[in-house]
PDB file of N, CA and C in Angstrom:
ATOM      1  N   MET A   1     -29.788  -8.669  -1.706  1.00  0.00           N
ATOM      2  CA  MET A   1     -30.166  -8.950  -0.335  1.00  0.00           C
ATOM      3  C   MET A   1     -28.965  -8.713   0.575  1.00  0.00           C
ATOM      4  N   LEU A   2     -29.182  -8.001   1.658  1.00  0.00           N
ATOM      5  CA  LEU A   2     -28.105  -7.721   2.605  1.00  0.00           C
ATOM      6  C   LEU A   2     -28.109  -8.765   3.713  1.00  0.00           C
ATOM      7  N   ARG A   3     -27.048  -9.545   3.777  1.00  0.00           N
ATOM      8  CA  ARG A   3     -26.857 -10.475   4.880  1.00  0.00           C
ATOM      9  C   ARG A   3     -25.367 -10.554   5.166  1.00  0.00           C
ATOM     10  N   PHE A   4     -25.016 -10.980   6.366  1.00  0.00           N
ATOM     11  CA  PHE A   4     -23.616 -10.986   6.750  1.00  0.00           C
ATOM     12  C   PHE A   4     -22.866 -12.008   5.900  1.00  0.00           C
ATOM     13  N   PRO A   5     -21.751 -11.616   5.289  1.00  0.00           N
ATOM     14  CA  PRO A   5     -21.056 -12.493   4.346  1.00  0.00           C
ATOM     15  C   PRO A   5     -20.301 -13.628   5.029  1.00  0.00           C
ATOM     16  N   GLN A   6     -20.018 -14.671   4.237  1.00  0.00           N
ATOM     17  CA  GLN A   6     -19.282 -15.837   4.716  1.00  0.00           C
ATOM     18  C   GLN A   6     -17.808 -15.799   4.311  1.00  0.00           C
ATOM     19  N   ARG A   7     -17.491 -15.170   3.193  1.00  0.00           N
ATOM     20  CA  ARG A   7     -16.097 -15.115   2.726  1.00  0.00           C
ATOM     21  C   ARG A   7     -15.292 -14.169   3.598  1.00  0.00           C
ATOM     22  N   TRP A   8     -14.002 -14.486   3.791  1.00  0.00           N
ATOM     23  CA  TRP A   8     -13.190 -13.759   4.769  1.00  0.00           C
ATOM     24  C   TRP A   8     -12.977 -12.298   4.394  1.00  0.00           C
ATOM     25  N   LEU A   9     -12.761 -12.001   3.108  1.00  0.00           N
ATOM     26  CA  LEU A   9     -12.492 -10.616   2.724  1.00  0.00           C
ATOM     27  C   LEU A   9     -13.749  -9.749   2.869  1.00  0.00           C
ATOM     28  N   ASN A  10     -14.884 -10.290   2.483  1.00  0.00           N
ATOM     29  CA  ASN A  10     -16.135  -9.555   2.632  1.00  0.00           C
ATOM     30  C   ASN A  10     -16.467  -9.338   4.108  1.00  0.00           C
ATOM     31  N   ARG A  11     -16.218 -10.362   4.912  1.00  0.00           N
ATOM     32  CA  ARG A  11     -16.462 -10.238   6.358  1.00  0.00           C
ATOM     33  C   ARG A  11     -15.511  -9.212   6.974  1.00  0.00           C
ATOM     34  N   LEU A  12     -14.257  -9.200   6.528  1.00  0.00           N
ATOM     35  CA  LEU A  12     -13.291  -8.225   7.028  1.00  0.00           C
ATOM     36  C   LEU A  12     -13.714  -6.799   6.682  1.00  0.00           C
ATOM     37  N   LEU A  13     -14.215  -6.605   5.467  1.00  0.00           N
ATOM     38  CA  LEU A  13     -14.702  -5.275   5.089  1.00  0.00           C
ATOM     39  C   LEU A  13     -15.866  -4.841   5.966  1.00  0.00           C
ATOM     40  N   CYS A  14     -16.731  -5.767   6.321  1.00  0.00           N
ATOM     41  CA  CYS A  14     -17.852  -5.437   7.211  1.00  0.00           C
ATOM     42  C   CYS A  14     -17.350  -5.041   8.594  1.00  0.00           C
ATOM     43  N   TYR A  15     -16.409  -5.800   9.121  1.00  0.00           N
ATOM     44  CA  TYR A  15     -15.870  -5.470  10.448  1.00  0.00           C
ATOM     45  C   TYR A  15     -15.161  -4.119  10.439  1.00  0.00           C
ATOM     46  N   VAL A  16     -14.359  -3.867   9.408  1.00  0.00           N
ATOM     47  CA  VAL A  16     -13.653  -2.584   9.313  1.00  0.00           C
ATOM     48  C   VAL A  16     -14.641  -1.434   9.170  1.00  0.00           C
ATOM     49  N   GLY A  17     -15.672  -1.628   8.365  1.00  0.00           N
ATOM     50  CA  GLY A  17     -16.691  -0.596   8.196  1.00  0.00           C
ATOM     51  C   GLY A  17     -17.455  -0.318   9.476  1.00  0.00           C
ATOM     52  N   LEU A  18     -17.838  -1.371  10.188  1.00  0.00           N
ATOM     53  CA  LEU A  18     -18.542  -1.179  11.459  1.00  0.00           C
ATOM     54  C   LEU A  18     -17.665  -0.469  12.476  1.00  0.00           C
ATOM     55  N   PHE A  19     -16.383  -0.879  12.552  1.00  0.00           N
ATOM     56  CA  PHE A  19     -15.469  -0.218  13.471  1.00  0.00           C
ATOM     57  C   PHE A  19     -15.299   1.248  13.100  1.00  0.00           C
ATOM     58  N   GLY A  20     -15.181   1.537  11.807  1.00  0.00           N
ATOM     59  CA  GLY A  20     -14.999   2.922  11.361  1.00  0.00           C
ATOM     60  C   GLY A  20     -16.207   3.794  11.662  1.00  0.00           C
ATOM     61  N   VAL A  21     -17.401   3.254  11.432  1.00  0.00           N
ATOM     62  CA  VAL A  21     -18.616   4.021  11.723  1.00  0.00           C
ATOM     63  C   VAL A  21     -18.737   4.282  13.220  1.00  0.00           C
ATOM     64  N   LEU A  22     -18.506   3.250  14.031  1.00  0.00           N
ATOM     65  CA  LEU A  22     -18.590   3.439  15.485  1.00  0.00           C
ATOM     66  C   LEU A  22     -17.523   4.412  15.986  1.00  0.00           C
ATOM     67  N   PHE A  23     -16.314   4.328  15.425  1.00  0.00           N
ATOM     68  CA  PHE A  23     -15.248   5.250  15.828  1.00  0.00           C
ATOM     69  C   PHE A  23     -15.607   6.687  15.467  1.00  0.00           C
ATOM     70  N   GLN A  24     -16.124   6.908  14.262  1.00  0.00           N
ATOM     71  CA  GLN A  24     -16.482   8.267  13.849  1.00  0.00           C
ATOM     72  C   GLN A  24     -17.634   8.821  14.679  1.00  0.00           C
ATOM     73  N   LEU A  25     -18.602   7.972  15.004  1.00  0.00           N
ATOM     74  CA  LEU A  25     -19.707   8.437  15.853  1.00  0.00           C
ATOM     75  C   LEU A  25     -19.230   8.751  17.270  1.00  0.00           C
ATOM     76  N   THR A  26     -18.306   7.940  17.784  1.00  0.00           N
ATOM     77  CA  THR A  26     -17.738   8.214  19.109  1.00  0.00           C
ATOM     78  C   THR A  26     -16.927   9.511  19.088  1.00  0.00           C
ATOM     79  N   ALA A  27     -16.162   9.732  18.038  1.00  0.00           N
ATOM     80  CA  ALA A  27     -15.393  10.977  17.913  1.00  0.00           C
ATOM     81  C   ALA A  27     -16.320  12.180  17.801  1.00  0.00           C
ATOM     82  N   ALA A  28     -17.428  12.027  17.080  1.00  0.00           N
ATOM     83  CA  ALA A  28     -18.382  13.133  16.956  1.00  0.00           C
ATOM     84  C   ALA A  28     -19.055  13.418  18.297  1.00  0.00           C
ATOM     85  N   LEU A  29     -19.368  12.381  19.039  1.00  0.00           N
ATOM     86  CA  LEU A  29     -19.954  12.571  20.369  1.00  0.00           C
ATOM     87  C   LEU A  29     -18.966  13.263  21.300  1.00  0.00           C
ATOM     88  N   HIS A  30     -17.716  12.868  21.233  1.00  0.00           N
ATOM     89  CA  HIS A  30     -16.671  13.514  22.039  1.00  0.00           C
ATOM     90  C   HIS A  30     -16.526  14.991  21.650  1.00  0.00           C
ATOM     91  N   ALA A  31     -16.516  15.263  20.350  1.00  0.00           N
ATOM     92  CA  ALA A  31     -16.387  16.655  19.894  1.00  0.00           C
ATOM     93  C   ALA A  31     -17.603  17.478  20.323  1.00  0.00           C
ATOM     94  N   TRP A  32     -18.776  16.890  20.232  1.00  0.00           N
ATOM     95  CA  TRP A  32     -19.985  17.600  20.660  1.00  0.00           C
ATOM     96  C   TRP A  32     -19.941  17.879  22.162  1.00  0.00           C
ATOM     97  N   TRP A  33     -19.484  16.898  22.948  1.00  0.00           N
ATOM     98  CA  TRP A  33     -19.435  17.043  24.405  1.00  0.00           C
ATOM     99  C   TRP A  33     -18.477  18.157  24.809  1.00  0.00           C
ATOM    100  N   HIS A  34     -17.355  18.268  24.110  1.00  0.00           N
ATOM    101  CA  HIS A  34     -16.355  19.277  24.431  1.00  0.00           C
ATOM    102  C   HIS A  34     -16.496  20.538  23.583  1.00  0.00           C
ATOM    103  N   GLN A  35     -17.585  20.649  22.868  1.00  0.00           N
ATOM    104  CA  GLN A  35     -17.926  21.809  22.047  1.00  0.00           C
ATOM    105  C   GLN A  35     -16.831  22.138  21.029  1.00  0.00           C
ATOM    106  N   ILE A  36     -16.328  21.088  20.386  1.00  0.00           N
ATOM    107  CA  ILE A  36     -15.354  21.237  19.307  1.00  0.00           C
ATOM    108  C   ILE A  36     -16.139  21.190  17.994  1.00  0.00           C
ATOM    109  N   PRO A  37     -16.036  22.203  17.161  1.00  0.00           N
ATOM    110  CA  PRO A  37     -16.831  22.185  15.919  1.00  0.00           C
ATOM    111  C   PRO A  37     -16.305  21.149  14.919  1.00  0.00           C
ATOM    112  N   LEU A  38     -17.220  20.411  14.332  1.00  0.00           N
ATOM    113  CA  LEU A  38     -16.907  19.473  13.247  1.00  0.00           C
ATOM    114  C   LEU A  38     -17.756  19.866  12.036  1.00  0.00           C
ATOM    115  N   PRO A  39     -17.270  20.760  11.201  1.00  0.00           N
ATOM    116  CA  PRO A  39     -18.112  21.258  10.110  1.00  0.00           C
ATOM    117  C   PRO A  39     -18.389  20.225   9.017  1.00  0.00           C
ATOM    118  N   HIS A  40     -17.485  19.290   8.789  1.00  0.00           N
ATOM    119  CA  HIS A  40     -17.657  18.325   7.697  1.00  0.00           C
ATOM    120  C   HIS A  40     -17.713  16.904   8.241  1.00  0.00           C
ATOM    121  N   PHE A  41     -18.534  16.696   9.245  1.00  0.00           N
ATOM    122  CA  PHE A  41     -18.602  15.383   9.894  1.00  0.00           C
ATOM    123  C   PHE A  41     -19.090  14.301   8.941  1.00  0.00           C
ATOM    124  N   TRP A  42     -20.082  14.605   8.109  1.00  0.00           N
ATOM    125  CA  TRP A  42     -20.668  13.576   7.251  1.00  0.00           C
ATOM    126  C   TRP A  42     -19.689  13.095   6.191  1.00  0.00           C
ATOM    127  N   LEU A  43     -18.722  13.927   5.823  1.00  0.00           N
ATOM    128  CA  LEU A  43     -17.716  13.476   4.869  1.00  0.00           C
ATOM    129  C   LEU A  43     -16.793  12.422   5.479  1.00  0.00           C
ATOM    130  N   LEU A  44     -16.653  12.453   6.805  1.00  0.00           N
ATOM    131  CA  LEU A  44     -15.799  11.477   7.477  1.00  0.00           C
ATOM    132  C   LEU A  44     -16.423  10.092   7.515  1.00  0.00           C
ATOM    133  N   LEU A  45     -17.720   9.992   7.261  1.00  0.00           N
ATOM    134  CA  LEU A  45     -18.398   8.699   7.285  1.00  0.00           C
ATOM    135  C   LEU A  45     -18.396   7.995   5.934  1.00  0.00           C
ATOM    136  N   ILE A  46     -17.923   8.650   4.888  1.00  0.00           N
ATOM    137  CA  ILE A  46     -17.992   8.051   3.551  1.00  0.00           C
ATOM    138  C   ILE A  46     -17.138   6.785   3.467  1.00  0.00           C
ATOM    139  N   ALA A  47     -15.899   6.831   3.920  1.00  0.00           N
ATOM    140  CA  ALA A  47     -15.007   5.674   3.796  1.00  0.00           C
ATOM    141  C   ALA A  47     -15.500   4.471   4.604  1.00  0.00           C
ATOM    142  N   PRO A  48     -15.870   4.630   5.896  1.00  0.00           N
ATOM    143  CA  PRO A  48     -16.363   3.449   6.618  1.00  0.00           C
ATOM    144  C   PRO A  48     -17.662   2.897   6.040  1.00  0.00           C
ATOM    145  N   LEU A  49     -18.544   3.776   5.582  1.00  0.00           N
ATOM    146  CA  LEU A  49     -19.791   3.295   4.990  1.00  0.00           C
ATOM    147  C   LEU A  49     -19.537   2.575   3.675  1.00  0.00           C
ATOM    148  N   LEU A  50     -18.564   3.033   2.903  1.00  0.00           N
ATOM    149  CA  LEU A  50     -18.223   2.348   1.662  1.00  0.00           C
ATOM    150  C   LEU A  50     -17.637   0.965   1.947  1.00  0.00           C
ATOM    151  N   CYS A  51     -16.818   0.844   2.980  1.00  0.00           N
ATOM    152  CA  CYS A  51     -16.299  -0.475   3.370  1.00  0.00           C
ATOM    153  C   CYS A  51     -17.447  -1.390   3.790  1.00  0.00           C
ATOM    154  N   LEU A  52     -18.350  -0.867   4.575  1.00  0.00           N
ATOM    155  CA  LEU A  52     -19.468  -1.671   5.056  1.00  0.00           C
ATOM    156  C   LEU A  52     -20.362  -2.119   3.903  1.00  0.00           C
ATOM    157  N   VAL A  53     -20.689  -1.210   3.016  1.00  0.00           N
ATOM    158  CA  VAL A  53     -21.566  -1.551   1.890  1.00  0.00           C
ATOM    159  C   VAL A  53     -20.872  -2.523   0.932  1.00  0.00           C
ATOM    160  N   SER A  54     -19.570  -2.339   0.713  1.00  0.00           N
ATOM    161  CA  SER A  54     -18.882  -3.241  -0.211  1.00  0.00           C
ATOM    162  C   SER A  54     -18.714  -4.631   0.380  1.00  0.00           C
ATOM    163  N   GLY A  55     -18.812  -4.774   1.676  1.00  0.00           N
ATOM    164  CA  GLY A  55     -18.801  -6.109   2.263  1.00  0.00           C
ATOM    165  C   GLY A  55     -20.163  -6.762   2.274  1.00  0.00           C
ATOM    166  N   LEU A  56     -21.229  -5.957   2.299  1.00  0.00           N
ATOM    167  CA  LEU A  56     -22.579  -6.505   2.413  1.00  0.00           C
ATOM    168  C   LEU A  56     -23.304  -6.656   1.074  1.00  0.00           C
ATOM    169  N   TRP A  57     -23.128  -5.726   0.175  1.00  0.00           N
ATOM    170  CA  TRP A  57     -23.921  -5.704  -1.061  1.00  0.00           C
ATOM    171  C   TRP A  57     -23.214  -6.524  -2.135  1.00  0.00           C
ATOM    172  N   SER A  58     -23.873  -7.498  -2.681  1.00  0.00           N
ATOM    173  CA  SER A  58     -23.223  -8.461  -3.574  1.00  0.00           C
ATOM    174  C   SER A  58     -22.600  -7.846  -4.842  1.00  0.00           C
ATOM    175  N   PRO A  59     -23.170  -6.819  -5.497  1.00  0.00           N
ATOM    176  CA  PRO A  59     -22.466  -6.273  -6.669  1.00  0.00           C
ATOM    177  C   PRO A  59     -21.125  -5.618  -6.338  1.00  0.00           C
ATOM    178  N   LEU A  60     -20.915  -5.196  -5.108  1.00  0.00           N
ATOM    179  CA  LEU A  60     -19.652  -4.539  -4.739  1.00  0.00           C
ATOM    180  C   LEU A  60     -18.673  -5.459  -4.013  1.00  0.00           C
ATOM    181  N   GLN A  61     -19.043  -6.706  -3.781  1.00  0.00           N
ATOM    182  CA  GLN A  61     -18.174  -7.603  -3.017  1.00  0.00           C
ATOM    183  C   GLN A  61     -16.970  -8.034  -3.843  1.00  0.00           C
ATOM    184  N   PRO A  62     -15.772  -7.965  -3.264  1.00  0.00           N
ATOM    185  CA  PRO A  62     -14.586  -8.427  -4.001  1.00  0.00           C
ATOM    186  C   PRO A  62     -14.565  -9.942  -4.182  1.00  0.00           C
ATOM    187  N   GLN A  63     -15.122 -10.690  -3.235  1.00  0.00           N
ATOM    188  CA  GLN A  63     -15.244 -12.129  -3.353  1.00  0.00           C
ATOM    189  C   GLN A  63     -16.725 -12.461  -3.420  1.00  0.00           C
ATOM    190  N   GLN A  64     -17.165 -13.045  -4.510  1.00  0.00           N
ATOM    191  CA  GLN A  64     -18.583 -13.359  -4.655  1.00  0.00           C
ATOM    192  C   GLN A  64     -18.983 -14.475  -3.696  1.00  0.00           C
ATOM    193  N   GLU A  65     -20.097 -14.262  -3.024  1.00  0.00           N
ATOM    194  CA  GLU A  65     -20.628 -15.249  -2.079  1.00  0.00           C
ATOM    195  C   GLU A  65     -21.348 -16.364  -2.846  1.00  0.00           C
ATOM    196  N   PRO A  66     -21.276 -17.588  -2.327  1.00  0.00           N
ATOM    197  CA  PRO A  66     -22.044 -18.671  -2.976  1.00  0.00           C
ATOM    198  C   PRO A  66     -23.541 -18.436  -2.778  1.00  0.00           C
ATOM    199  N   GLN A  67     -24.302 -18.736  -3.814  1.00  0.00           N
ATOM    200  CA  GLN A  67     -25.761 -18.559  -3.736  1.00  0.00           C
ATOM    201  C   GLN A  67     -26.378 -19.718  -2.957  1.00  0.00           C
ATOM    202  N   PRO A  68     -27.353 -19.405  -2.088  1.00  0.00           N
ATOM    203  CA  PRO A  68     -27.975 -20.484  -1.284  1.00  0.00           C
ATOM    204  C   PRO A  68     -28.872 -21.396  -2.106  1.00  0.00           C
TER     205      PRO A  68
END
């Protein structure tokens, strides 16, 4: 189940992942606006998405969340 984590390290990974995804999307929008080619844009999203998923998905969390 995906829900926002309570442990600090998992929450930090979520924040870093969200910031990375938003930054990459903003950079892609800027490149598109100025007609700068980005041939491998989707590869740039792998690291932020991995941070986000490892903070949200319980099998990948470095600190296990307490079960409700």
